[in-house]
Amino acid sequence: MERMSNAKVVQIASMGVASAAVALGTLFLKIPGVTGYYHLGDGLIFTASLVFGPAVGAVAGGFGSAVADILGGWAVWAPWTLIIKSMAGWVVGVLGHNKGVAGRLLGMTAGALVVVLGYAAATWILYGPAAVALEIYGNIGQSASGIVIGAVGSAALIKARMTK
């Protein structure tokens, strides 16, 4: 049996902690909205992706958010959320991890676009085209708040050198 490197252990631990933070931030720190609710989850996904990279962002985004959907009574959305939020976390991490402010903002904007378009497609499939506009509206607001939280959270952790 091969021994796991310290970096791999830290990455796996970061995935678990970030997934739990996303689930808790999504479940318990939320404001009801027209098509769902506004929460800290997206900002925590963006933060994890920027600070720890695309693998941690994808796992935390997908699993943390899907668990929140299941536990929060939105289980019909869990498979969609798993895919959409994993993709968003990956995109944010690929484009923004270890980058400057502009790179981080580009990554979060691209990740937000994945969320908005992903949920628009899922809404179309689940509820039909008439429901899409309202879903897009809600997800733009949710994604915008995620970008603000991600910008502040990642800047604070990077400045504190919590990732080294």
N, C-alpha and C. Protein backbone atom coordinates (compact mmCIF):
# COMPACT_ATOMS: atom_id res chain seq x y z
N MET A 1 0.85 -1.18 0.00
CA MET A 1 0.00 0.00 0.00
C MET A 1 0.89 1.24 0.00
N GLU A 2 0.58 2.14 -0.91
CA GLU A 2 1.37 3.35 -1.04
C GLU A 2 0.90 4.40 -0.05
N ARG A 3 1.85 5.11 0.52
CA ARG A 3 1.55 6.14 1.49
C ARG A 3 1.08 7.41 0.77
N MET A 4 0.04 8.04 1.30
CA MET A 4 -0.51 9.25 0.71
C MET A 4 0.33 10.46 1.10
N SER A 5 0.56 11.36 0.15
CA SER A 5 1.34 12.57 0.43
C SER A 5 0.55 13.52 1.32
N ASN A 6 1.27 14.40 2.01
CA ASN A 6 0.62 15.40 2.85
C ASN A 6 -0.30 16.30 2.03
N ALA A 7 0.14 16.64 0.82
CA ALA A 7 -0.68 17.51 -0.03
C ALA A 7 -2.01 16.84 -0.37
N LYS A 8 -1.98 15.55 -0.62
CA LYS A 8 -3.21 14.82 -0.95
C LYS A 8 -4.14 14.76 0.26
N VAL A 9 -3.57 14.53 1.43
CA VAL A 9 -4.36 14.51 2.65
C VAL A 9 -5.03 15.86 2.89
N VAL A 10 -4.26 16.94 2.70
CA VAL A 10 -4.81 18.28 2.87
C VAL A 10 -5.93 18.52 1.85
N GLN A 11 -5.72 18.09 0.61
CA GLN A 11 -6.75 18.28 -0.41
C GLN A 11 -8.04 17.53 -0.05
N ILE A 12 -7.92 16.29 0.38
CA ILE A 12 -9.11 15.51 0.74
C ILE A 12 -9.81 16.12 1.95
N ALA A 13 -9.04 16.53 2.95
CA ALA A 13 -9.62 17.19 4.12
C ALA A 13 -10.31 18.49 3.72
N SER A 14 -9.69 19.25 2.82
CA SER A 14 -10.28 20.51 2.34
C SER A 14 -11.60 20.25 1.62
N MET A 15 -11.66 19.16 0.85
CA MET A 15 -12.91 18.80 0.17
C MET A 15 -14.02 18.54 1.17
N GLY A 16 -13.70 17.80 2.24
CA GLY A 16 -14.71 17.49 3.24
C GLY A 16 -15.18 18.71 4.01
N VAL A 17 -14.23 19.52 4.45
CA VAL A 17 -14.59 20.72 5.21
C VAL A 17 -15.35 21.72 4.34
N ALA A 18 -14.89 21.92 3.11
CA ALA A 18 -15.56 22.86 2.21
C ALA A 18 -16.95 22.36 1.84
N SER A 19 -17.11 21.05 1.62
CA SER A 19 -18.43 20.50 1.31
C SER A 19 -19.40 20.73 2.46
N ALA A 20 -18.93 20.49 3.68
CA ALA A 20 -19.78 20.73 4.85
C ALA A 20 -20.13 22.21 4.99
N ALA A 21 -19.16 23.08 4.75
CA ALA A 21 -19.42 24.52 4.84
C ALA A 21 -20.46 24.95 3.81
N VAL A 22 -20.34 24.44 2.59
CA VAL A 22 -21.31 24.77 1.53
C VAL A 22 -22.70 24.27 1.92
N ALA A 23 -22.79 23.03 2.39
CA ALA A 23 -24.10 22.49 2.78
C ALA A 23 -24.72 23.32 3.90
N LEU A 24 -23.94 23.63 4.92
CA LEU A 24 -24.46 24.41 6.04
C LEU A 24 -24.81 25.83 5.64
N GLY A 25 -23.94 26.45 4.83
CA GLY A 25 -24.19 27.82 4.37
C GLY A 25 -25.42 27.91 3.47
N THR A 26 -25.70 26.83 2.77
CA THR A 26 -26.87 26.79 1.89
C THR A 26 -28.14 26.51 2.70
N LEU A 27 -28.06 25.61 3.64
CA LEU A 27 -29.23 25.18 4.40
C LEU A 27 -29.68 26.19 5.45
N PHE A 28 -28.73 26.75 6.17
CA PHE A 28 -29.10 27.49 7.37
C PHE A 28 -28.96 28.99 7.28
N LEU A 29 -28.26 29.48 6.31
CA LEU A 29 -28.07 30.93 6.17
C LEU A 29 -28.72 31.37 4.87
N LYS A 30 -30.06 31.41 4.86
CA LYS A 30 -30.77 31.67 3.61
C LYS A 30 -31.91 32.67 3.80
N ILE A 31 -32.22 33.31 2.68
CA ILE A 31 -33.32 34.27 2.61
C ILE A 31 -34.25 33.78 1.51
N PRO A 32 -35.55 33.62 1.78
CA PRO A 32 -36.48 33.14 0.74
C PRO A 32 -36.54 34.10 -0.44
N GLY A 33 -36.63 33.53 -1.63
CA GLY A 33 -36.76 34.30 -2.86
C GLY A 33 -37.94 33.80 -3.67
N VAL A 34 -38.14 34.34 -4.83
CA VAL A 34 -39.28 34.00 -5.68
C VAL A 34 -39.18 32.56 -6.18
N THR A 35 -38.01 32.13 -6.62
CA THR A 35 -37.86 30.80 -7.22
C THR A 35 -37.07 29.83 -6.36
N GLY A 36 -36.79 30.19 -5.15
CA GLY A 36 -35.98 29.36 -4.26
C GLY A 36 -35.55 30.21 -3.09
N TYR A 37 -34.28 30.27 -2.84
CA TYR A 37 -33.80 31.10 -1.75
C TYR A 37 -32.38 31.56 -2.03
N TYR A 38 -32.02 32.70 -1.41
CA TYR A 38 -30.67 33.23 -1.50
C TYR A 38 -29.89 32.73 -0.29
N HIS A 39 -28.65 32.34 -0.51
CA HIS A 39 -27.88 31.70 0.55
C HIS A 39 -26.39 31.99 0.37
N LEU A 40 -25.59 31.54 1.33
CA LEU A 40 -24.15 31.75 1.28
C LEU A 40 -23.42 30.68 0.47
N GLY A 41 -24.12 29.64 0.06
CA GLY A 41 -23.49 28.49 -0.57
C GLY A 41 -22.64 28.82 -1.78
N ASP A 42 -23.16 29.60 -2.72
CA ASP A 42 -22.38 29.90 -3.93
C ASP A 42 -21.11 30.67 -3.60
N GLY A 43 -21.21 31.59 -2.66
CA GLY A 43 -20.02 32.33 -2.24
C GLY A 43 -18.98 31.43 -1.62
N LEU A 44 -19.42 30.42 -0.89
CA LEU A 44 -18.49 29.46 -0.28
C LEU A 44 -17.89 28.54 -1.34
N ILE A 45 -18.68 28.18 -2.35
CA ILE A 45 -18.13 27.40 -3.47
C ILE A 45 -17.05 28.21 -4.18
N PHE A 46 -17.36 29.46 -4.49
CA PHE A 46 -16.40 30.31 -5.18
C PHE A 46 -15.14 30.49 -4.34
N THR A 47 -15.30 30.70 -3.04
CA THR A 47 -14.16 30.85 -2.15
C THR A 47 -13.29 29.60 -2.15
N ALA A 48 -13.91 28.43 -1.98
CA ALA A 48 -13.15 27.16 -1.97
C ALA A 48 -12.43 26.95 -3.29
N SER A 49 -13.09 27.27 -4.39
CA SER A 49 -12.48 27.09 -5.72
C SER A 49 -11.27 27.99 -5.91
N LEU A 50 -11.39 29.23 -5.47
CA LEU A 50 -10.30 30.18 -5.64
C LEU A 50 -9.13 29.89 -4.71
N VAL A 51 -9.42 29.46 -3.51
CA VAL A 51 -8.37 29.25 -2.51
C VAL A 51 -7.70 27.89 -2.68
N PHE A 52 -8.50 26.85 -2.92
CA PHE A 52 -7.96 25.49 -2.94
C PHE A 52 -7.88 24.85 -4.33
N GLY A 53 -8.47 25.47 -5.34
CA GLY A 53 -8.38 24.96 -6.70
C GLY A 53 -9.63 24.26 -7.20
N PRO A 54 -9.59 23.86 -8.47
CA PRO A 54 -10.80 23.33 -9.13
C PRO A 54 -11.31 22.02 -8.56
N ALA A 55 -10.43 21.12 -8.13
CA ALA A 55 -10.91 19.83 -7.61
C ALA A 55 -11.71 20.03 -6.33
N VAL A 56 -11.19 20.82 -5.41
CA VAL A 56 -11.90 21.08 -4.16
C VAL A 56 -13.18 21.85 -4.46
N GLY A 57 -13.12 22.83 -5.34
CA GLY A 57 -14.31 23.60 -5.69
C GLY A 57 -15.40 22.74 -6.30
N ALA A 58 -15.01 21.82 -7.18
CA ALA A 58 -16.00 20.94 -7.82
C ALA A 58 -16.65 20.01 -6.81
N VAL A 59 -15.86 19.40 -5.95
CA VAL A 59 -16.41 18.47 -4.96
C VAL A 59 -17.29 19.23 -3.95
N ALA A 60 -16.77 20.33 -3.43
CA ALA A 60 -17.53 21.10 -2.44
C ALA A 60 -18.81 21.65 -3.06
N GLY A 61 -18.70 22.16 -4.28
CA GLY A 61 -19.89 22.71 -4.94
C GLY A 61 -20.94 21.66 -5.21
N GLY A 62 -20.52 20.56 -5.81
CA GLY A 62 -21.48 19.52 -6.17
C GLY A 62 -22.07 18.80 -4.98
N PHE A 63 -21.21 18.25 -4.14
CA PHE A 63 -21.72 17.45 -3.02
C PHE A 63 -22.34 18.30 -1.93
N GLY A 64 -21.70 19.40 -1.56
CA GLY A 64 -22.26 20.26 -0.52
C GLY A 64 -23.63 20.80 -0.90
N SER A 65 -23.77 21.24 -2.15
CA SER A 65 -25.04 21.80 -2.59
C SER A 65 -26.11 20.73 -2.77
N ALA A 66 -25.73 19.57 -3.30
CA ALA A 66 -26.71 18.49 -3.48
C ALA A 66 -27.21 17.98 -2.13
N VAL A 67 -26.32 17.85 -1.16
CA VAL A 67 -26.74 17.45 0.18
C VAL A 67 -27.72 18.47 0.76
N ALA A 68 -27.44 19.76 0.55
CA ALA A 68 -28.35 20.80 1.03
C ALA A 68 -29.72 20.68 0.36
N ASP A 69 -29.74 20.39 -0.94
CA ASP A 69 -31.02 20.20 -1.63
C ASP A 69 -31.80 19.04 -1.03
N ILE A 70 -31.12 17.94 -0.80
CA ILE A 70 -31.80 16.75 -0.26
C ILE A 70 -32.33 17.02 1.15
N LEU A 71 -31.48 17.55 2.01
CA LEU A 71 -31.88 17.80 3.39
C LEU A 71 -32.88 18.96 3.52
N GLY A 72 -32.84 19.88 2.56
CA GLY A 72 -33.72 21.05 2.62
C GLY A 72 -35.07 20.88 1.96
N GLY A 73 -35.35 19.68 1.44
CA GLY A 73 -36.65 19.45 0.83
C GLY A 73 -36.73 19.73 -0.65
N TRP A 74 -35.60 19.91 -1.30
CA TRP A 74 -35.56 20.21 -2.73
C TRP A 74 -34.91 19.04 -3.49
N ALA A 75 -35.19 17.82 -3.09
CA ALA A 75 -34.49 16.64 -3.62
C ALA A 75 -34.61 16.52 -5.14
N VAL A 76 -35.69 17.00 -5.73
CA VAL A 76 -35.83 16.92 -7.19
C VAL A 76 -34.70 17.67 -7.90
N TRP A 77 -34.13 18.65 -7.23
CA TRP A 77 -33.05 19.45 -7.80
C TRP A 77 -31.67 18.86 -7.55
N ALA A 78 -31.54 17.91 -6.63
CA ALA A 78 -30.22 17.41 -6.22
C ALA A 78 -29.37 16.88 -7.38
N PRO A 79 -29.90 16.06 -8.29
CA PRO A 79 -29.03 15.61 -9.40
C PRO A 79 -28.56 16.75 -10.29
N TRP A 80 -29.46 17.68 -10.55
CA TRP A 80 -29.09 18.85 -11.35
C TRP A 80 -28.05 19.68 -10.63
N THR A 81 -28.27 19.90 -9.35
CA THR A 81 -27.35 20.69 -8.54
C THR A 81 -25.97 20.05 -8.50
N LEU A 82 -25.92 18.74 -8.32
CA LEU A 82 -24.65 18.03 -8.29
C LEU A 82 -23.82 18.34 -9.53
N ILE A 83 -24.45 18.28 -10.68
CA ILE A 83 -23.75 18.53 -11.95
C ILE A 83 -23.43 20.02 -12.12
N ILE A 84 -24.42 20.87 -11.94
CA ILE A 84 -24.25 22.31 -12.20
C ILE A 84 -23.22 22.93 -11.24
N LYS A 85 -23.37 22.66 -9.95
CA LYS A 85 -22.46 23.29 -8.99
C LYS A 85 -21.05 22.69 -9.05
N SER A 86 -20.95 21.39 -9.41
CA SER A 86 -19.61 20.82 -9.64
C SER A 86 -18.93 21.52 -10.80
N MET A 87 -19.67 21.70 -11.88
CA MET A 87 -19.10 22.38 -13.05
C MET A 87 -18.71 23.82 -12.70
N ALA A 88 -19.57 24.50 -11.97
CA ALA A 88 -19.27 25.89 -11.60
C ALA A 88 -18.01 25.97 -10.73
N GLY A 89 -17.91 25.09 -9.74
CA GLY A 89 -16.72 25.08 -8.88
C GLY A 89 -15.46 24.80 -9.67
N TRP A 90 -15.56 23.87 -10.62
CA TRP A 90 -14.41 23.53 -11.46
C TRP A 90 -13.98 24.73 -12.31
N VAL A 91 -14.96 25.37 -12.96
CA VAL A 91 -14.67 26.51 -13.83
C VAL A 91 -14.04 27.66 -13.03
N VAL A 92 -14.61 27.96 -11.87
CA VAL A 92 -14.05 29.04 -11.04
C VAL A 92 -12.61 28.71 -10.66
N GLY A 93 -12.36 27.48 -10.27
CA GLY A 93 -11.01 27.09 -9.87
C GLY A 93 -10.01 27.11 -11.01
N VAL A 94 -10.43 26.62 -12.18
CA VAL A 94 -9.52 26.60 -13.34
C VAL A 94 -9.15 28.02 -13.76
N LEU A 95 -10.14 28.90 -13.80
CA LEU A 95 -9.89 30.26 -14.28
C LEU A 95 -9.34 31.21 -13.21
N GLY A 96 -9.64 30.96 -11.92
CA GLY A 96 -9.31 31.94 -10.91
C GLY A 96 -8.30 31.54 -9.84
N HIS A 97 -8.05 30.23 -9.67
CA HIS A 97 -7.12 29.79 -8.62
C HIS A 97 -5.70 30.26 -8.94
N ASN A 98 -5.05 30.81 -7.93
CA ASN A 98 -3.67 31.33 -8.05
C ASN A 98 -3.57 32.47 -9.06
N LYS A 99 -4.63 33.20 -9.24
CA LYS A 99 -4.64 34.35 -10.16
C LYS A 99 -4.84 35.63 -9.35
N GLY A 100 -4.64 36.74 -9.99
CA GLY A 100 -4.88 38.04 -9.37
C GLY A 100 -6.38 38.32 -9.28
N VAL A 101 -6.69 39.53 -8.84
CA VAL A 101 -8.09 39.92 -8.65
C VAL A 101 -8.88 39.78 -9.96
N ALA A 102 -8.32 40.23 -11.07
CA ALA A 102 -9.03 40.15 -12.35
C ALA A 102 -9.31 38.69 -12.73
N GLY A 103 -8.33 37.82 -12.53
CA GLY A 103 -8.52 36.40 -12.83
C GLY A 103 -9.56 35.77 -11.94
N ARG A 104 -9.56 36.15 -10.66
CA ARG A 104 -10.57 35.61 -9.74
C ARG A 104 -11.97 36.09 -10.12
N LEU A 105 -12.09 37.36 -10.49
CA LEU A 105 -13.40 37.87 -10.92
C LEU A 105 -13.86 37.21 -12.22
N LEU A 106 -12.94 36.99 -13.14
CA LEU A 106 -13.28 36.29 -14.38
C LEU A 106 -13.77 34.88 -14.07
N GLY A 107 -13.06 34.18 -13.19
CA GLY A 107 -13.45 32.83 -12.81
C GLY A 107 -14.83 32.80 -12.18
N MET A 108 -15.09 33.70 -11.26
CA MET A 108 -16.41 33.72 -10.61
C MET A 108 -17.51 34.10 -11.57
N THR A 109 -17.24 35.03 -12.48
CA THR A 109 -18.25 35.41 -13.47
C THR A 109 -18.58 34.24 -14.39
N ALA A 110 -17.55 33.51 -14.81
CA ALA A 110 -17.78 32.33 -15.65
C ALA A 110 -18.53 31.25 -14.88
N GLY A 111 -18.17 31.05 -13.61
CA GLY A 111 -18.89 30.08 -12.78
C GLY A 111 -20.34 30.47 -12.58
N ALA A 112 -20.58 31.77 -12.39
CA ALA A 112 -21.96 32.25 -12.24
C ALA A 112 -22.75 32.00 -13.52
N LEU A 113 -22.12 32.17 -14.66
CA LEU A 113 -22.79 31.90 -15.93
C LEU A 113 -23.17 30.42 -16.05
N VAL A 114 -22.28 29.54 -15.59
CA VAL A 114 -22.58 28.10 -15.58
C VAL A 114 -23.82 27.84 -14.72
N VAL A 115 -23.89 28.48 -13.56
CA VAL A 115 -25.04 28.29 -12.66
C VAL A 115 -26.33 28.79 -13.32
N VAL A 116 -26.30 30.00 -13.84
CA VAL A 116 -27.51 30.58 -14.43
C VAL A 116 -27.99 29.75 -15.62
N LEU A 117 -27.09 29.42 -16.53
CA LEU A 117 -27.49 28.64 -17.71
C LEU A 117 -27.85 27.20 -17.36
N GLY A 118 -27.12 26.62 -16.40
CA GLY A 118 -27.41 25.24 -15.99
C GLY A 118 -28.79 25.11 -15.38
N TYR A 119 -29.13 26.01 -14.48
CA TYR A 119 -30.46 25.95 -13.87
C TYR A 119 -31.56 26.37 -14.84
N ALA A 120 -31.24 27.22 -15.79
CA ALA A 120 -32.23 27.55 -16.83
C ALA A 120 -32.56 26.30 -17.64
N ALA A 121 -31.54 25.54 -18.02
CA ALA A 121 -31.77 24.30 -18.77
C ALA A 121 -32.54 23.29 -17.94
N ALA A 122 -32.17 23.13 -16.68
CA ALA A 122 -32.86 22.18 -15.80
C ALA A 122 -34.32 22.59 -15.60
N THR A 123 -34.56 23.88 -15.44
CA THR A 123 -35.92 24.37 -15.27
C THR A 123 -36.75 24.11 -16.52
N TRP A 124 -36.16 24.33 -17.68
CA TRP A 124 -36.84 24.06 -18.95
C TRP A 124 -37.28 22.59 -19.00
N ILE A 125 -36.37 21.70 -18.63
CA ILE A 125 -36.67 20.26 -18.67
C ILE A 125 -37.72 19.88 -17.63
N LEU A 126 -37.59 20.40 -16.42
CA LEU A 126 -38.51 20.02 -15.34
C LEU A 126 -39.87 20.69 -15.43
N TYR A 127 -39.91 21.96 -15.81
CA TYR A 127 -41.15 22.73 -15.71
C TYR A 127 -41.60 23.39 -17.01
N GLY A 128 -40.78 23.35 -18.04
CA GLY A 128 -41.15 23.96 -19.32
C GLY A 128 -40.58 25.35 -19.49
N PRO A 129 -40.66 25.86 -20.70
CA PRO A 129 -40.03 27.15 -21.02
C PRO A 129 -40.63 28.35 -20.30
N ALA A 130 -41.89 28.27 -19.89
CA ALA A 130 -42.53 29.41 -19.23
C ALA A 130 -41.87 29.73 -17.89
N ALA A 131 -41.25 28.77 -17.25
CA ALA A 131 -40.65 28.97 -15.93
C ALA A 131 -39.21 29.49 -16.00
N VAL A 132 -38.62 29.50 -17.17
CA VAL A 132 -37.19 29.78 -17.30
C VAL A 132 -36.83 31.22 -16.93
N ALA A 133 -37.59 32.19 -17.38
CA ALA A 133 -37.24 33.60 -17.14
C ALA A 133 -37.15 33.90 -15.64
N LEU A 134 -38.10 33.41 -14.88
CA LEU A 134 -38.09 33.65 -13.44
C LEU A 134 -36.91 32.96 -12.78
N GLU A 135 -36.57 31.77 -13.25
CA GLU A 135 -35.42 31.04 -12.71
C GLU A 135 -34.11 31.79 -13.00
N ILE A 136 -33.99 32.32 -14.21
CA ILE A 136 -32.80 33.09 -14.56
C ILE A 136 -32.68 34.32 -13.66
N TYR A 137 -33.78 35.00 -13.47
CA TYR A 137 -33.79 36.19 -12.60
C TYR A 137 -33.27 35.86 -11.20
N GLY A 138 -33.81 34.80 -10.61
CA GLY A 138 -33.39 34.40 -9.27
C GLY A 138 -31.92 34.00 -9.20
N ASN A 139 -31.47 33.29 -10.22
CA ASN A 139 -30.08 32.82 -10.21
C ASN A 139 -29.08 33.92 -10.51
N ILE A 140 -29.49 34.95 -11.22
CA ILE A 140 -28.59 36.10 -11.40
C ILE A 140 -28.35 36.77 -10.05
N GLY A 141 -29.40 36.97 -9.27
CA GLY A 141 -29.24 37.56 -7.95
C GLY A 141 -28.41 36.69 -7.02
N GLN A 142 -28.69 35.38 -7.03
CA GLN A 142 -27.93 34.45 -6.20
C GLN A 142 -26.46 34.44 -6.60
N SER A 143 -26.20 34.42 -7.90
CA SER A 143 -24.82 34.39 -8.39
C SER A 143 -24.08 35.69 -8.08
N ALA A 144 -24.77 36.81 -8.19
CA ALA A 144 -24.14 38.10 -7.87
C ALA A 144 -23.73 38.14 -6.40
N SER A 145 -24.60 37.67 -5.53
CA SER A 145 -24.23 37.64 -4.11
C SER A 145 -23.08 36.66 -3.89
N GLY A 146 -23.05 35.57 -4.64
CA GLY A 146 -21.95 34.61 -4.56
C GLY A 146 -20.62 35.22 -4.96
N ILE A 147 -20.63 36.05 -5.98
CA ILE A 147 -19.40 36.71 -6.42
C ILE A 147 -18.88 37.65 -5.33
N VAL A 148 -19.77 38.40 -4.71
CA VAL A 148 -19.35 39.32 -3.64
C VAL A 148 -18.77 38.53 -2.48
N ILE A 149 -19.48 37.48 -2.05
CA ILE A 149 -19.00 36.66 -0.93
C ILE A 149 -17.69 35.97 -1.29
N GLY A 150 -17.61 35.44 -2.51
CA GLY A 150 -16.39 34.78 -2.95
C GLY A 150 -15.20 35.72 -3.04
N ALA A 151 -15.44 36.94 -3.50
CA ALA A 151 -14.35 37.92 -3.60
C ALA A 151 -13.81 38.27 -2.22
N VAL A 152 -14.70 38.53 -1.30
CA VAL A 152 -14.29 38.90 0.06
C VAL A 152 -13.67 37.70 0.77
N GLY A 153 -14.34 36.55 0.70
CA GLY A 153 -13.85 35.36 1.40
C GLY A 153 -12.50 34.89 0.89
N SER A 154 -12.35 34.83 -0.42
CA SER A 154 -11.07 34.36 -0.97
C SER A 154 -9.96 35.36 -0.69
N ALA A 155 -10.25 36.65 -0.80
CA ALA A 155 -9.22 37.65 -0.52
C ALA A 155 -8.75 37.55 0.93
N ALA A 156 -9.69 37.36 1.85
CA ALA A 156 -9.32 37.26 3.26
C ALA A 156 -8.47 36.02 3.52
N LEU A 157 -8.86 34.88 2.96
CA LEU A 157 -8.09 33.65 3.19
C LEU A 157 -6.73 33.69 2.50
N ILE A 158 -6.69 34.25 1.32
CA ILE A 158 -5.40 34.35 0.62
C ILE A 158 -4.47 35.30 1.37
N LYS A 159 -5.02 36.41 1.83
CA LYS A 159 -4.20 37.36 2.58
C LYS A 159 -3.70 36.76 3.89
N ALA A 160 -4.53 35.95 4.53
CA ALA A 160 -4.14 35.33 5.80
C ALA A 160 -3.22 34.12 5.58
N ARG A 161 -3.02 33.76 4.31
CA ARG A 161 -2.17 32.61 3.94
C ARG A 161 -2.66 31.32 4.59
N MET A 162 -3.96 31.16 4.58
CA MET A 162 -4.57 29.96 5.16
C MET A 162 -4.33 28.73 4.28
N THR A 163 -3.90 28.92 3.06
CA THR A 163 -3.74 27.79 2.14
C THR A 163 -2.33 27.23 2.14
N LYS A 164 -1.43 27.77 2.85
CA LYS A 164 -0.04 27.29 2.84
C LYS A 164 0.27 26.51 4.08
